[in-house]
Amino acid sequence: MKKVSNILTRKGSSVIAIDGSTTVLDALKLMADKNIGSVVITEDGVYAGLLTERDYARKVILHGKSSLETQVREIMSTGFPRILPDNSIETCMHIMSESNLRYLPVFKEDRLCGIISISDVVTETILSHEETIEQLKSYIQS
């Protein structure tokens, strides 16, 4: 059974983080530059939450706030389930679908060690299926 650690090994565990005082506009520019849909928000260097594109759409645009003046700490999402590297991909799929989440923070000993996205989970699932198919083909041919 594939685990979160497989995803982190494949994609790396580097995390892009910004301080909670960063403006929403600067955060969006960073996300666009890095081609990512979420960014980690820290307060005094400690994980505080995630800012997602969904947060921007629902908490800035729809409320008529200014991206130039609003700080990310005002609109970030908190309270995400804490996933461990040993959690299974199936567990993540279940959590993400039940809670309608696109991103999950991964923690090891209370330290953030990565972020996984629904895309990462789908990719890992596809790779796992392809590996199984190749093993079955090899078995049949032997």
N, C-alpha and C. Protein backbone atom coordinates (compact mmCIF):
# COMPACT_ATOMS: atom_id res chain seq x y z
N MET A 1 0.84 -1.18 0.00
CA MET A 1 0.00 0.00 0.00
C MET A 1 0.89 1.25 0.00
N LYS A 2 0.63 2.14 -0.94
CA LYS A 2 1.43 3.37 -1.05
C LYS A 2 1.10 4.33 0.09
N LYS A 3 2.12 5.08 0.47
CA LYS A 3 2.00 6.00 1.59
C LYS A 3 2.33 7.43 1.17
N VAL A 4 2.01 8.36 2.02
CA VAL A 4 2.32 9.77 1.79
C VAL A 4 3.82 9.95 1.58
N SER A 5 4.62 9.18 2.27
CA SER A 5 6.07 9.28 2.12
C SER A 5 6.50 9.01 0.68
N ASN A 6 5.76 8.15 -0.06
CA ASN A 6 6.05 7.91 -1.47
C ASN A 6 5.87 9.18 -2.29
N ILE A 7 4.83 9.92 -2.00
CA ILE A 7 4.58 11.19 -2.71
C ILE A 7 5.71 12.18 -2.41
N LEU A 8 6.07 12.30 -1.14
CA LEU A 8 7.11 13.26 -0.76
C LEU A 8 8.46 12.87 -1.36
N THR A 9 8.72 11.58 -1.48
CA THR A 9 9.96 11.13 -2.11
C THR A 9 9.97 11.50 -3.58
N ARG A 10 8.83 11.31 -4.25
CA ARG A 10 8.74 11.59 -5.69
C ARG A 10 8.80 13.09 -5.97
N LYS A 11 8.04 13.88 -5.23
CA LYS A 11 7.94 15.31 -5.56
C LYS A 11 8.86 16.19 -4.73
N GLY A 12 9.39 15.65 -3.66
CA GLY A 12 10.22 16.46 -2.77
C GLY A 12 9.39 17.01 -1.64
N SER A 13 10.05 17.43 -0.60
CA SER A 13 9.32 17.91 0.57
C SER A 13 9.55 19.40 0.82
N SER A 14 10.08 20.09 -0.17
CA SER A 14 10.28 21.53 0.02
C SER A 14 8.93 22.22 0.10
N VAL A 15 8.84 23.18 0.98
CA VAL A 15 7.60 23.89 1.23
C VAL A 15 7.84 25.37 1.02
N ILE A 16 6.97 26.00 0.27
CA ILE A 16 7.05 27.44 0.07
C ILE A 16 6.17 28.09 1.13
N ALA A 17 6.79 28.95 1.93
CA ALA A 17 6.08 29.56 3.06
C ALA A 17 6.28 31.07 3.06
N ILE A 18 5.26 31.76 3.54
CA ILE A 18 5.32 33.21 3.69
C ILE A 18 4.78 33.59 5.07
N ASP A 19 5.14 34.75 5.53
CA ASP A 19 4.68 35.25 6.82
C ASP A 19 3.23 35.71 6.71
N GLY A 20 2.50 35.57 7.81
CA GLY A 20 1.09 35.96 7.86
C GLY A 20 0.82 37.41 7.54
N SER A 21 1.84 38.26 7.65
CA SER A 21 1.66 39.69 7.37
C SER A 21 1.77 40.03 5.88
N THR A 22 2.12 39.05 5.07
CA THR A 22 2.25 39.27 3.62
C THR A 22 0.89 39.65 3.04
N THR A 23 0.91 40.57 2.08
CA THR A 23 -0.37 40.94 1.46
C THR A 23 -0.84 39.82 0.54
N VAL A 24 -2.14 39.77 0.36
CA VAL A 24 -2.73 38.76 -0.51
C VAL A 24 -2.17 38.89 -1.93
N LEU A 25 -2.00 40.10 -2.41
CA LEU A 25 -1.47 40.30 -3.76
C LEU A 25 -0.08 39.70 -3.90
N ASP A 26 0.79 39.95 -2.93
CA ASP A 26 2.14 39.39 -2.98
C ASP A 26 2.10 37.86 -2.92
N ALA A 27 1.21 37.31 -2.13
CA ALA A 27 1.07 35.86 -2.05
C ALA A 27 0.60 35.29 -3.39
N LEU A 28 -0.34 35.95 -4.02
CA LEU A 28 -0.84 35.49 -5.33
C LEU A 28 0.25 35.56 -6.40
N LYS A 29 1.05 36.61 -6.34
CA LYS A 29 2.17 36.71 -7.29
C LYS A 29 3.15 35.56 -7.10
N LEU A 30 3.47 35.24 -5.85
CA LEU A 30 4.36 34.12 -5.54
C LEU A 30 3.76 32.81 -6.05
N MET A 31 2.49 32.59 -5.79
CA MET A 31 1.82 31.37 -6.22
C MET A 31 1.83 31.26 -7.75
N ALA A 32 1.63 32.37 -8.43
CA ALA A 32 1.66 32.36 -9.90
C ALA A 32 3.08 32.07 -10.40
N ASP A 33 4.08 32.70 -9.79
CA ASP A 33 5.47 32.49 -10.18
C ASP A 33 5.91 31.04 -10.00
N LYS A 34 5.45 30.42 -8.93
CA LYS A 34 5.84 29.05 -8.60
C LYS A 34 4.88 28.01 -9.18
N ASN A 35 3.79 28.49 -9.80
CA ASN A 35 2.76 27.61 -10.39
C ASN A 35 2.19 26.65 -9.35
N ILE A 36 1.81 27.21 -8.19
CA ILE A 36 1.24 26.42 -7.11
C ILE A 36 -0.13 26.98 -6.73
N GLY A 37 -0.96 26.14 -6.16
CA GLY A 37 -2.32 26.55 -5.79
C GLY A 37 -2.49 26.87 -4.32
N SER A 38 -1.42 26.66 -3.55
CA SER A 38 -1.49 27.00 -2.12
C SER A 38 -0.09 27.36 -1.64
N VAL A 39 -0.07 28.09 -0.54
CA VAL A 39 1.20 28.46 0.08
C VAL A 39 1.03 28.37 1.59
N VAL A 40 2.09 27.92 2.26
CA VAL A 40 2.07 27.79 3.72
C VAL A 40 2.20 29.18 4.34
N ILE A 41 1.40 29.40 5.37
CA ILE A 41 1.47 30.66 6.12
C ILE A 41 2.10 30.37 7.47
N THR A 42 3.08 31.18 7.83
CA THR A 42 3.74 31.02 9.12
C THR A 42 3.56 32.27 9.97
N GLU A 43 3.59 32.06 11.25
CA GLU A 43 3.61 33.16 12.22
C GLU A 43 4.83 32.90 13.10
N ASP A 44 5.77 33.83 13.09
CA ASP A 44 7.03 33.68 13.83
C ASP A 44 7.74 32.38 13.45
N GLY A 45 7.69 32.04 12.16
CA GLY A 45 8.38 30.87 11.65
C GLY A 45 7.69 29.54 11.90
N VAL A 46 6.51 29.56 12.51
CA VAL A 46 5.78 28.34 12.83
C VAL A 46 4.54 28.23 11.93
N TYR A 47 4.27 27.00 11.46
CA TYR A 47 3.10 26.76 10.60
C TYR A 47 1.83 27.30 11.27
N ALA A 48 1.05 28.08 10.49
CA ALA A 48 -0.20 28.63 11.01
C ALA A 48 -1.40 28.20 10.16
N GLY A 49 -1.17 27.93 8.88
CA GLY A 49 -2.27 27.55 8.00
C GLY A 49 -1.83 27.57 6.56
N LEU A 50 -2.81 27.47 5.66
CA LEU A 50 -2.55 27.51 4.23
C LEU A 50 -3.40 28.59 3.58
N LEU A 51 -2.83 29.23 2.59
CA LEU A 51 -3.60 30.14 1.74
C LEU A 51 -3.78 29.42 0.42
N THR A 52 -5.03 29.30 -0.02
CA THR A 52 -5.32 28.64 -1.28
C THR A 52 -6.01 29.61 -2.23
N GLU A 53 -6.03 29.23 -3.49
CA GLU A 53 -6.74 30.04 -4.47
C GLU A 53 -8.22 30.17 -4.10
N ARG A 54 -8.75 29.12 -3.51
CA ARG A 54 -10.15 29.13 -3.07
C ARG A 54 -10.35 30.19 -1.98
N ASP A 55 -9.39 30.32 -1.05
CA ASP A 55 -9.48 31.35 -0.01
C ASP A 55 -9.58 32.73 -0.64
N TYR A 56 -8.75 32.95 -1.64
CA TYR A 56 -8.77 34.25 -2.32
C TYR A 56 -10.13 34.52 -2.96
N ALA A 57 -10.62 33.55 -3.71
CA ALA A 57 -11.89 33.74 -4.41
C ALA A 57 -13.05 33.98 -3.45
N ARG A 58 -13.07 33.24 -2.37
CA ARG A 58 -14.22 33.28 -1.46
C ARG A 58 -14.12 34.32 -0.36
N LYS A 59 -12.90 34.70 0.01
CA LYS A 59 -12.74 35.58 1.16
C LYS A 59 -12.24 36.98 0.82
N VAL A 60 -11.81 37.17 -0.41
CA VAL A 60 -11.37 38.50 -0.83
C VAL A 60 -12.33 39.03 -1.89
N ILE A 61 -12.36 38.37 -3.02
CA ILE A 61 -13.18 38.83 -4.15
C ILE A 61 -14.66 38.96 -3.76
N LEU A 62 -15.22 37.90 -3.20
CA LEU A 62 -16.65 37.91 -2.88
C LEU A 62 -17.00 38.88 -1.76
N HIS A 63 -16.03 39.26 -0.95
CA HIS A 63 -16.28 40.19 0.16
C HIS A 63 -15.85 41.61 -0.16
N GLY A 64 -15.39 41.83 -1.38
CA GLY A 64 -15.00 43.17 -1.80
C GLY A 64 -13.77 43.71 -1.10
N LYS A 65 -12.91 42.83 -0.61
CA LYS A 65 -11.69 43.28 0.06
C LYS A 65 -10.62 43.61 -0.98
N SER A 66 -9.62 44.33 -0.55
CA SER A 66 -8.52 44.71 -1.42
C SER A 66 -7.35 43.74 -1.26
N SER A 67 -6.87 43.21 -2.36
CA SER A 67 -5.71 42.32 -2.34
C SER A 67 -4.44 43.05 -1.94
N LEU A 68 -4.42 44.35 -2.15
CA LEU A 68 -3.26 45.16 -1.79
C LEU A 68 -3.17 45.42 -0.29
N GLU A 69 -4.30 45.42 0.38
CA GLU A 69 -4.32 45.79 1.80
C GLU A 69 -4.55 44.61 2.74
N THR A 70 -5.18 43.56 2.26
CA THR A 70 -5.51 42.42 3.11
C THR A 70 -4.28 41.54 3.33
N GLN A 71 -4.04 41.18 4.57
CA GLN A 71 -2.94 40.28 4.89
C GLN A 71 -3.43 38.84 4.81
N VAL A 72 -2.52 37.94 4.45
CA VAL A 72 -2.91 36.55 4.27
C VAL A 72 -3.43 35.92 5.56
N ARG A 73 -2.97 36.36 6.72
CA ARG A 73 -3.45 35.79 7.99
C ARG A 73 -4.95 36.02 8.17
N GLU A 74 -5.49 37.05 7.49
CA GLU A 74 -6.91 37.36 7.60
C GLU A 74 -7.79 36.38 6.83
N ILE A 75 -7.24 35.73 5.83
CA ILE A 75 -8.06 34.87 4.98
C ILE A 75 -7.57 33.43 4.87
N MET A 76 -6.45 33.11 5.51
CA MET A 76 -5.89 31.75 5.38
C MET A 76 -6.84 30.73 5.99
N SER A 77 -6.70 29.51 5.54
CA SER A 77 -7.47 28.39 6.10
C SER A 77 -6.64 27.72 7.19
N THR A 78 -7.31 27.35 8.25
CA THR A 78 -6.65 26.66 9.36
C THR A 78 -7.45 25.40 9.68
N GLY A 79 -6.91 24.61 10.57
CA GLY A 79 -7.64 23.44 11.03
C GLY A 79 -7.61 22.26 10.07
N PHE A 80 -6.64 22.25 9.15
CA PHE A 80 -6.51 21.10 8.25
C PHE A 80 -6.15 19.86 9.06
N PRO A 81 -6.62 18.69 8.62
CA PRO A 81 -6.17 17.46 9.28
C PRO A 81 -4.65 17.34 9.13
N ARG A 82 -4.00 16.83 10.13
CA ARG A 82 -2.54 16.65 10.08
C ARG A 82 -2.25 15.24 9.60
N ILE A 83 -1.65 15.17 8.44
CA ILE A 83 -1.31 13.89 7.82
C ILE A 83 0.13 13.55 8.19
N LEU A 84 0.40 12.27 8.35
CA LEU A 84 1.75 11.78 8.64
C LEU A 84 2.32 11.09 7.41
N PRO A 85 3.64 11.05 7.27
CA PRO A 85 4.25 10.36 6.13
C PRO A 85 3.83 8.89 6.03
N ASP A 86 3.48 8.27 7.14
CA ASP A 86 3.08 6.87 7.12
C ASP A 86 1.61 6.64 6.77
N ASN A 87 0.82 7.73 6.66
CA ASN A 87 -0.57 7.57 6.26
C ASN A 87 -0.66 7.03 4.84
N SER A 88 -1.68 6.23 4.59
CA SER A 88 -1.86 5.66 3.25
C SER A 88 -2.46 6.69 2.30
N ILE A 89 -2.24 6.46 1.02
CA ILE A 89 -2.83 7.31 -0.02
C ILE A 89 -4.36 7.23 0.07
N GLU A 90 -4.87 6.02 0.35
CA GLU A 90 -6.31 5.83 0.47
C GLU A 90 -6.90 6.68 1.60
N THR A 91 -6.17 6.78 2.71
CA THR A 91 -6.62 7.62 3.82
C THR A 91 -6.71 9.08 3.37
N CYS A 92 -5.71 9.52 2.65
CA CYS A 92 -5.71 10.91 2.16
C CYS A 92 -6.87 11.16 1.20
N MET A 93 -7.10 10.20 0.30
CA MET A 93 -8.21 10.34 -0.66
C MET A 93 -9.54 10.48 0.09
N HIS A 94 -9.70 9.65 1.11
CA HIS A 94 -10.93 9.69 1.90
C HIS A 94 -11.09 11.05 2.60
N ILE A 95 -10.04 11.49 3.26
CA ILE A 95 -10.09 12.78 3.98
C ILE A 95 -10.38 13.91 3.01
N MET A 96 -9.67 13.92 1.88
CA MET A 96 -9.83 15.01 0.92
C MET A 96 -11.24 15.02 0.33
N SER A 97 -11.78 13.84 -0.01
CA SER A 97 -13.12 13.84 -0.59
C SER A 97 -14.20 14.14 0.44
N GLU A 98 -14.07 13.60 1.64
CA GLU A 98 -15.07 13.84 2.68
C GLU A 98 -15.10 15.31 3.12
N SER A 99 -13.93 15.93 3.17
CA SER A 99 -13.84 17.31 3.67
C SER A 99 -13.75 18.34 2.55
N ASN A 100 -13.78 17.87 1.29
CA ASN A 100 -13.69 18.75 0.12
C ASN A 100 -12.42 19.62 0.18
N LEU A 101 -11.29 18.94 0.44
CA LEU A 101 -10.00 19.63 0.52
C LEU A 101 -9.15 19.30 -0.69
N ARG A 102 -8.34 20.25 -1.10
CA ARG A 102 -7.42 20.02 -2.21
C ARG A 102 -5.97 19.88 -1.75
N TYR A 103 -5.71 20.25 -0.51
CA TYR A 103 -4.35 20.23 0.02
C TYR A 103 -4.36 19.70 1.44
N LEU A 104 -3.29 18.98 1.79
CA LEU A 104 -3.12 18.50 3.15
C LEU A 104 -1.68 18.73 3.60
N PRO A 105 -1.49 19.33 4.78
CA PRO A 105 -0.14 19.47 5.32
C PRO A 105 0.32 18.14 5.91
N VAL A 106 1.59 17.84 5.73
CA VAL A 106 2.18 16.60 6.24
C VAL A 106 3.13 16.96 7.37
N PHE A 107 2.95 16.30 8.51
CA PHE A 107 3.76 16.59 9.69
C PHE A 107 4.52 15.35 10.13
N LYS A 108 5.73 15.59 10.60
CA LYS A 108 6.53 14.54 11.21
C LYS A 108 7.05 15.11 12.52
N GLU A 109 6.62 14.51 13.62
CA GLU A 109 7.00 14.98 14.96
C GLU A 109 6.68 16.47 15.14
N ASP A 110 5.47 16.85 14.83
CA ASP A 110 4.97 18.24 14.95
C ASP A 110 5.72 19.26 14.10
N ARG A 111 6.48 18.79 13.10
CA ARG A 111 7.18 19.69 12.20
C ARG A 111 6.62 19.47 10.79
N LEU A 112 6.23 20.57 10.15
CA LEU A 112 5.72 20.49 8.78
C LEU A 112 6.82 19.95 7.87
N CYS A 113 6.55 18.88 7.15
CA CYS A 113 7.57 18.30 6.28
C CYS A 113 7.12 18.22 4.83
N GLY A 114 5.95 18.77 4.52
CA GLY A 114 5.50 18.79 3.13
C GLY A 114 4.03 19.12 3.02
N ILE A 115 3.63 19.36 1.78
CA ILE A 115 2.21 19.59 1.44
C ILE A 115 1.90 18.64 0.30
N ILE A 116 0.77 17.95 0.39
CA ILE A 116 0.34 17.14 -0.75
C ILE A 116 -0.97 17.69 -1.28
N SER A 117 -1.14 17.58 -2.58
CA SER A 117 -2.36 18.06 -3.23
C SER A 117 -3.16 16.87 -3.74
N ILE A 118 -4.39 17.12 -4.10
CA ILE A 118 -5.22 16.08 -4.68
C ILE A 118 -4.57 15.56 -5.96
N SER A 119 -3.91 16.44 -6.69
CA SER A 119 -3.20 16.03 -7.91
C SER A 119 -2.08 15.04 -7.58
N ASP A 120 -1.36 15.29 -6.49
CA ASP A 120 -0.31 14.36 -6.05
C ASP A 120 -0.89 12.99 -5.73
N VAL A 121 -2.02 12.98 -5.06
CA VAL A 121 -2.67 11.72 -4.67
C VAL A 121 -3.13 10.96 -5.91
N VAL A 122 -3.73 11.67 -6.87
CA VAL A 122 -4.19 11.03 -8.10
C VAL A 122 -3.00 10.48 -8.89
N THR A 123 -1.95 11.27 -9.01
CA THR A 123 -0.75 10.83 -9.73
C THR A 123 -0.15 9.58 -9.09
N GLU A 124 -0.04 9.56 -7.78
CA GLU A 124 0.52 8.40 -7.07
C GLU A 124 -0.37 7.17 -7.27
N THR A 125 -1.67 7.38 -7.29
CA THR A 125 -2.60 6.27 -7.51
C THR A 125 -2.44 5.70 -8.92
N ILE A 126 -2.31 6.57 -9.91
CA ILE A 126 -2.10 6.14 -11.29
C ILE A 126 -0.79 5.37 -11.41
N LEU A 127 0.27 5.91 -10.82
CA LEU A 127 1.57 5.22 -10.87
C LEU A 127 1.50 3.84 -10.21
N SER A 128 0.78 3.76 -9.12
CA SER A 128 0.62 2.48 -8.43
C SER A 128 -0.13 1.48 -9.29
N HIS A 129 -1.18 1.94 -9.97
CA HIS A 129 -1.94 1.06 -10.87
C HIS A 129 -1.09 0.60 -12.05
N GLU A 130 -0.30 1.52 -12.60
CA GLU A 130 0.57 1.16 -13.71
C GLU A 130 1.61 0.12 -13.29
N GLU A 131 2.13 0.28 -12.07
CA GLU A 131 3.10 -0.68 -11.54
C GLU A 131 2.46 -2.06 -11.38
N THR A 132 1.25 -2.09 -10.87
CA THR A 132 0.52 -3.35 -10.72
C THR A 132 0.28 -4.01 -12.06
N ILE A 133 -0.11 -3.23 -13.05
CA ILE A 133 -0.35 -3.76 -14.40
C ILE A 133 0.92 -4.37 -14.97
N GLU A 134 2.04 -3.68 -14.81
CA GLU A 134 3.32 -4.21 -15.32
C GLU A 134 3.70 -5.51 -14.61
N GLN A 135 3.46 -5.56 -13.31
CA GLN A 135 3.76 -6.79 -12.57
C GLN A 135 2.88 -7.95 -13.04
N LEU A 136 1.62 -7.66 -13.29
CA LEU A 136 0.72 -8.72 -13.79
C LEU A 136 1.11 -9.18 -15.19
N LYS A 137 1.50 -8.23 -16.04
CA LYS A 137 1.95 -8.59 -17.38
C LYS A 137 3.19 -9.49 -17.30
N SER A 138 4.11 -9.12 -16.44
CA SER A 138 5.33 -9.89 -16.27
C SER A 138 5.02 -11.29 -15.74
N TYR A 139 4.09 -11.37 -14.82
CA TYR A 139 3.70 -12.66 -14.26
C TYR A 139 3.06 -13.54 -15.32
N ILE A 140 2.18 -12.96 -16.11
CA ILE A 140 1.49 -13.72 -17.16
C ILE A 140 2.47 -14.22 -18.22
N GLN A 141 3.45 -13.41 -18.56
CA GLN A 141 4.41 -13.76 -19.61
C GLN A 141 5.47 -14.76 -19.14
N SER A 142 5.59 -14.94 -17.83
CA SER A 142 6.65 -15.86 -17.35
C SER A 142 6.15 -17.30 -17.23
